[in-house]
Amino acid sequence: MQINPILLAAANGSNSMSLIVMILIYAVIFGALYFILIRPQKKKQKEEKKMRENLQVGDEIVTIGGIYGRVISLKEDTIVIESQSDHSKLTIARWALQSNLTVHDDVPSK
């Protein structure tokens, strides 16, 4: 039994075309996931980093553990806060800061 060379060429062309289509589908899926998941997460991380860098003494904050307090002093990696309930002083890591409740009119630029 002989294989027709025309049919063989058509089958090879269809395989390479389906490979190109499959690669394009994967690229579209990856691009969609990037814009839906990865990009917003990086934007949020950038905003959190900026908030932690612009923290000032006297700001009202909330930690990731839910502790409300006022910033007493700032160091490179730690923050000393005074809790609102019993005015006790706590030292927390800078990464443990969830949000700054104080609104500043003019944020200093570096």
N, C-alpha and C. Protein backbone atom coordinates (compact mmCIF):
# COMPACT_ATOMS: atom_id res chain seq x y z
N MET A 1 0.83 -1.17 0.00
CA MET A 1 0.00 0.00 0.00
C MET A 1 0.88 1.24 0.00
N GLN A 2 0.59 2.12 -0.93
CA GLN A 2 1.36 3.35 -1.05
C GLN A 2 0.59 4.51 -0.44
N ILE A 3 1.37 5.45 0.17
CA ILE A 3 0.77 6.65 0.74
C ILE A 3 0.90 7.77 -0.28
N ASN A 4 -0.19 8.40 -0.52
CA ASN A 4 -0.22 9.48 -1.47
C ASN A 4 0.59 10.67 -0.90
N PRO A 5 1.61 11.18 -1.64
CA PRO A 5 2.43 12.28 -1.13
C PRO A 5 1.64 13.58 -0.91
N ILE A 6 0.60 13.78 -1.65
CA ILE A 6 -0.22 14.99 -1.49
C ILE A 6 -0.95 14.94 -0.13
N LEU A 7 -1.50 13.78 0.20
CA LEU A 7 -2.19 13.63 1.49
C LEU A 7 -1.21 13.76 2.65
N LEU A 8 0.00 13.22 2.47
CA LEU A 8 1.02 13.31 3.51
C LEU A 8 1.43 14.76 3.75
N ALA A 9 1.59 15.54 2.71
CA ALA A 9 1.95 16.96 2.84
C ALA A 9 0.82 17.74 3.50
N ALA A 10 -0.42 17.44 3.17
CA ALA A 10 -1.55 18.12 3.79
C ALA A 10 -1.64 17.81 5.28
N ALA A 11 -1.34 16.56 5.65
CA ALA A 11 -1.38 16.17 7.06
C ALA A 11 -0.28 16.88 7.84
N ASN A 12 0.90 16.99 7.28
CA ASN A 12 1.99 17.70 7.95
C ASN A 12 1.68 19.18 8.10
N GLY A 13 1.08 19.78 7.13
CA GLY A 13 0.70 21.20 7.20
C GLY A 13 -0.35 21.43 8.27
N SER A 14 -1.26 20.52 8.41
CA SER A 14 -2.31 20.64 9.42
C SER A 14 -1.73 20.49 10.82
N ASN A 15 -0.73 19.63 11.01
CA ASN A 15 -0.09 19.47 12.32
C ASN A 15 0.65 20.73 12.73
N SER A 16 1.37 21.33 11.80
CA SER A 16 2.11 22.55 12.15
C SER A 16 1.14 23.71 12.40
N MET A 17 0.03 23.73 11.68
CA MET A 17 -0.96 24.79 11.90
C MET A 17 -1.62 24.63 13.26
N SER A 18 -1.93 23.39 13.65
CA SER A 18 -2.56 23.17 14.95
C SER A 18 -1.59 23.51 16.09
N LEU A 19 -0.29 23.29 15.87
CA LEU A 19 0.72 23.66 16.87
C LEU A 19 0.76 25.17 17.05
N ILE A 20 0.72 25.91 15.96
CA ILE A 20 0.72 27.38 16.03
C ILE A 20 -0.53 27.89 16.74
N VAL A 21 -1.67 27.30 16.43
CA VAL A 21 -2.92 27.70 17.08
C VAL A 21 -2.85 27.40 18.58
N MET A 22 -2.32 26.26 18.94
CA MET A 22 -2.21 25.89 20.35
C MET A 22 -1.28 26.86 21.10
N ILE A 23 -0.16 27.22 20.50
CA ILE A 23 0.76 28.19 21.11
C ILE A 23 0.08 29.54 21.27
N LEU A 24 -0.67 29.97 20.29
CA LEU A 24 -1.40 31.24 20.39
C LEU A 24 -2.45 31.20 21.51
N ILE A 25 -3.13 30.10 21.64
CA ILE A 25 -4.14 29.97 22.71
C ILE A 25 -3.47 30.06 24.08
N TYR A 26 -2.34 29.37 24.25
CA TYR A 26 -1.62 29.44 25.53
C TYR A 26 -1.12 30.86 25.80
N ALA A 27 -0.66 31.56 24.78
CA ALA A 27 -0.19 32.94 24.95
C ALA A 27 -1.34 33.85 25.38
N VAL A 28 -2.50 33.67 24.79
CA VAL A 28 -3.67 34.48 25.16
C VAL A 28 -4.09 34.18 26.60
N ILE A 29 -4.09 32.92 26.99
CA ILE A 29 -4.45 32.55 28.35
C ILE A 29 -3.46 33.13 29.35
N PHE A 30 -2.17 33.01 29.07
CA PHE A 30 -1.15 33.57 29.96
C PHE A 30 -1.28 35.09 30.05
N GLY A 31 -1.52 35.74 28.94
CA GLY A 31 -1.70 37.20 28.95
C GLY A 31 -2.90 37.61 29.78
N ALA A 32 -3.99 36.88 29.65
CA ALA A 32 -5.19 37.20 30.43
C ALA A 32 -4.93 37.00 31.92
N LEU A 33 -4.27 35.91 32.29
CA LEU A 33 -3.94 35.67 33.70
C LEU A 33 -3.02 36.75 34.24
N TYR A 34 -2.08 37.21 33.42
CA TYR A 34 -1.18 38.27 33.86
C TYR A 34 -1.97 39.53 34.20
N PHE A 35 -2.87 39.94 33.30
CA PHE A 35 -3.61 41.18 33.52
C PHE A 35 -4.70 41.04 34.59
N ILE A 36 -5.17 39.82 34.84
CA ILE A 36 -6.22 39.63 35.84
C ILE A 36 -5.64 39.39 37.23
N LEU A 37 -4.55 38.64 37.34
CA LEU A 37 -4.02 38.23 38.64
C LEU A 37 -2.71 38.90 39.03
N ILE A 38 -1.71 38.83 38.19
CA ILE A 38 -0.36 39.24 38.57
C ILE A 38 -0.22 40.75 38.63
N ARG A 39 -0.67 41.46 37.64
CA ARG A 39 -0.49 42.91 37.58
C ARG A 39 -1.18 43.64 38.74
N PRO A 40 -2.45 43.34 39.07
CA PRO A 40 -3.06 44.02 40.21
C PRO A 40 -2.36 43.72 41.54
N GLN A 41 -1.84 42.50 41.70
CA GLN A 41 -1.14 42.15 42.94
C GLN A 41 0.13 42.97 43.08
N LYS A 42 0.88 43.13 42.00
CA LYS A 42 2.10 43.93 42.04
C LYS A 42 1.79 45.39 42.31
N LYS A 43 0.70 45.89 41.75
CA LYS A 43 0.30 47.28 41.99
C LYS A 43 -0.06 47.48 43.46
N LYS A 44 -0.76 46.52 44.06
CA LYS A 44 -1.13 46.60 45.47
C LYS A 44 0.12 46.57 46.35
N GLN A 45 1.08 45.70 46.04
CA GLN A 45 2.31 45.62 46.81
C GLN A 45 3.10 46.93 46.73
N LYS A 46 3.09 47.56 45.56
CA LYS A 46 3.79 48.82 45.39
C LYS A 46 3.15 49.92 46.25
N GLU A 47 1.81 49.96 46.30
CA GLU A 47 1.11 50.95 47.12
C GLU A 47 1.35 50.72 48.61
N GLU A 48 1.39 49.45 49.04
CA GLU A 48 1.67 49.13 50.44
C GLU A 48 3.08 49.57 50.82
N LYS A 49 4.04 49.34 49.95
CA LYS A 49 5.42 49.74 50.21
C LYS A 49 5.51 51.25 50.33
N LYS A 50 4.83 51.97 49.47
CA LYS A 50 4.84 53.43 49.52
C LYS A 50 4.21 53.92 50.82
N MET A 51 3.11 53.28 51.26
CA MET A 51 2.45 53.66 52.50
C MET A 51 3.38 53.45 53.69
N ARG A 52 4.10 52.34 53.71
CA ARG A 52 5.02 52.06 54.81
C ARG A 52 6.20 53.02 54.82
N GLU A 53 6.66 53.44 53.65
CA GLU A 53 7.78 54.38 53.57
C GLU A 53 7.37 55.79 53.98
N ASN A 54 6.12 56.19 53.75
CA ASN A 54 5.66 57.54 54.05
C ASN A 54 5.06 57.65 55.45
N LEU A 55 5.24 56.66 56.29
CA LEU A 55 4.72 56.68 57.64
C LEU A 55 5.44 57.74 58.47
N GLN A 56 4.69 58.45 59.31
CA GLN A 56 5.27 59.52 60.13
C GLN A 56 4.90 59.29 61.58
N VAL A 57 5.69 59.89 62.49
CA VAL A 57 5.39 59.82 63.92
C VAL A 57 4.06 60.53 64.16
N GLY A 58 3.18 59.91 64.93
CA GLY A 58 1.87 60.47 65.23
C GLY A 58 0.75 59.91 64.38
N ASP A 59 1.06 59.13 63.37
CA ASP A 59 0.03 58.54 62.51
C ASP A 59 -0.74 57.45 63.26
N GLU A 60 -2.02 57.38 63.01
CA GLU A 60 -2.87 56.32 63.54
C GLU A 60 -2.81 55.15 62.56
N ILE A 61 -2.50 53.94 63.06
CA ILE A 61 -2.32 52.78 62.19
C ILE A 61 -3.11 51.59 62.69
N VAL A 62 -3.22 50.58 61.83
CA VAL A 62 -3.78 49.27 62.18
C VAL A 62 -2.76 48.23 61.72
N THR A 63 -2.45 47.27 62.61
CA THR A 63 -1.53 46.20 62.24
C THR A 63 -2.31 45.06 61.59
N ILE A 64 -1.59 44.10 61.02
CA ILE A 64 -2.26 42.97 60.40
C ILE A 64 -2.93 42.08 61.44
N GLY A 65 -2.55 42.25 62.71
CA GLY A 65 -3.19 41.50 63.79
C GLY A 65 -4.42 42.20 64.33
N GLY A 66 -4.72 43.40 63.82
CA GLY A 66 -5.91 44.13 64.25
C GLY A 66 -5.68 45.07 65.41
N ILE A 67 -4.43 45.38 65.73
CA ILE A 67 -4.13 46.29 66.83
C ILE A 67 -4.13 47.72 66.29
N TYR A 68 -4.93 48.58 66.93
CA TYR A 68 -4.96 49.99 66.58
C TYR A 68 -3.97 50.72 67.49
N GLY A 69 -3.26 51.69 66.91
CA GLY A 69 -2.31 52.43 67.72
C GLY A 69 -1.80 53.67 67.01
N ARG A 70 -0.97 54.41 67.74
CA ARG A 70 -0.36 55.63 67.21
C ARG A 70 1.15 55.42 67.16
N VAL A 71 1.80 55.84 66.10
CA VAL A 71 3.23 55.66 65.92
C VAL A 71 3.98 56.59 66.89
N ILE A 72 4.88 56.00 67.68
CA ILE A 72 5.70 56.76 68.62
C ILE A 72 7.09 57.00 68.04
N SER A 73 7.68 55.96 67.45
CA SER A 73 9.00 56.14 66.82
C SER A 73 9.13 55.17 65.65
N LEU A 74 9.99 55.56 64.72
CA LEU A 74 10.23 54.78 63.50
C LEU A 74 11.71 54.40 63.44
N LYS A 75 11.96 53.16 63.09
CA LYS A 75 13.31 52.69 62.82
C LYS A 75 13.28 52.06 61.45
N GLU A 76 14.41 51.52 61.03
CA GLU A 76 14.49 50.98 59.68
C GLU A 76 13.54 49.81 59.47
N ASP A 77 13.53 48.85 60.38
CA ASP A 77 12.70 47.65 60.22
C ASP A 77 11.56 47.54 61.24
N THR A 78 11.55 48.39 62.25
CA THR A 78 10.54 48.29 63.30
C THR A 78 9.85 49.62 63.53
N ILE A 79 8.69 49.53 64.16
CA ILE A 79 7.90 50.70 64.52
C ILE A 79 7.47 50.50 65.97
N VAL A 80 7.58 51.56 66.78
CA VAL A 80 7.07 51.51 68.15
C VAL A 80 5.74 52.25 68.13
N ILE A 81 4.68 51.54 68.58
CA ILE A 81 3.36 52.16 68.61
C ILE A 81 2.83 52.17 70.04
N GLU A 82 1.88 53.05 70.27
CA GLU A 82 1.19 53.11 71.55
C GLU A 82 -0.24 52.68 71.30
N SER A 83 -0.68 51.65 72.01
CA SER A 83 -2.03 51.15 71.78
C SER A 83 -3.05 52.14 72.30
N GLN A 84 -4.23 52.13 71.72
CA GLN A 84 -5.26 53.10 72.08
C GLN A 84 -5.96 52.73 73.38
N SER A 85 -6.07 51.45 73.68
CA SER A 85 -6.87 51.05 74.83
C SER A 85 -6.18 51.35 76.16
N ASP A 86 -4.96 50.87 76.35
CA ASP A 86 -4.31 51.04 77.65
C ASP A 86 -2.99 51.82 77.56
N HIS A 87 -2.72 52.42 76.44
CA HIS A 87 -1.52 53.24 76.19
C HIS A 87 -0.22 52.47 76.45
N SER A 88 -0.22 51.19 76.17
CA SER A 88 1.01 50.41 76.29
C SER A 88 1.79 50.53 74.98
N LYS A 89 3.10 50.42 75.09
CA LYS A 89 3.96 50.56 73.91
C LYS A 89 4.29 49.17 73.36
N LEU A 90 4.19 49.05 72.07
CA LEU A 90 4.48 47.79 71.38
C LEU A 90 5.48 48.06 70.26
N THR A 91 6.39 47.13 70.08
CA THR A 91 7.31 47.21 68.95
C THR A 91 6.85 46.18 67.93
N ILE A 92 6.60 46.65 66.71
CA ILE A 92 6.14 45.76 65.65
C ILE A 92 7.08 45.88 64.44
N ALA A 93 7.06 44.88 63.62
CA ALA A 93 7.83 44.92 62.38
C ALA A 93 7.12 45.81 61.38
N ARG A 94 7.86 46.47 60.54
CA ARG A 94 7.26 47.37 59.55
C ARG A 94 6.35 46.63 58.58
N TRP A 95 6.69 45.38 58.27
CA TRP A 95 5.86 44.60 57.33
C TRP A 95 4.51 44.24 57.94
N ALA A 96 4.37 44.35 59.29
CA ALA A 96 3.12 43.98 59.95
C ALA A 96 2.11 45.12 59.93
N LEU A 97 2.43 46.21 59.31
CA LEU A 97 1.52 47.35 59.21
C LEU A 97 0.52 47.09 58.09
N GLN A 98 -0.77 47.16 58.42
CA GLN A 98 -1.79 46.91 57.41
C GLN A 98 -2.26 48.19 56.76
N SER A 99 -2.59 49.20 57.56
CA SER A 99 -3.07 50.44 56.96
C SER A 99 -2.77 51.63 57.85
N ASN A 100 -2.68 52.79 57.22
CA ASN A 100 -2.47 54.06 57.89
C ASN A 100 -3.80 54.79 57.86
N LEU A 101 -4.36 55.08 59.04
CA LEU A 101 -5.66 55.72 59.12
C LEU A 101 -5.58 57.24 59.04
N THR A 102 -4.38 57.81 59.19
CA THR A 102 -4.19 59.25 59.14
C THR A 102 -4.11 59.70 57.69
N VAL A 103 -4.87 60.73 57.37
CA VAL A 103 -4.87 61.28 56.01
C VAL A 103 -3.95 62.50 56.01
N HIS A 104 -2.95 62.48 55.14
CA HIS A 104 -2.03 63.60 55.01
C HIS A 104 -2.40 64.42 53.78
N ASP A 105 -2.46 65.73 53.94
CA ASP A 105 -2.77 66.60 52.81
C ASP A 105 -1.60 66.65 51.83
N ASP A 106 -0.40 66.79 52.34
CA ASP A 106 0.78 66.91 51.50
C ASP A 106 1.75 65.79 51.85
N VAL A 107 1.93 64.86 50.94
CA VAL A 107 2.87 63.76 51.14
C VAL A 107 4.23 64.22 50.65
N PRO A 108 5.26 64.20 51.53
CA PRO A 108 6.58 64.67 51.09
C PRO A 108 7.17 63.77 50.02
N SER A 109 7.76 64.36 49.01
CA SER A 109 8.41 63.59 47.95
C SER A 109 9.90 63.55 48.19
N LYS A 110 10.52 62.43 47.82
CA LYS A 110 11.95 62.27 48.05
C LYS A 110 12.74 62.64 46.83
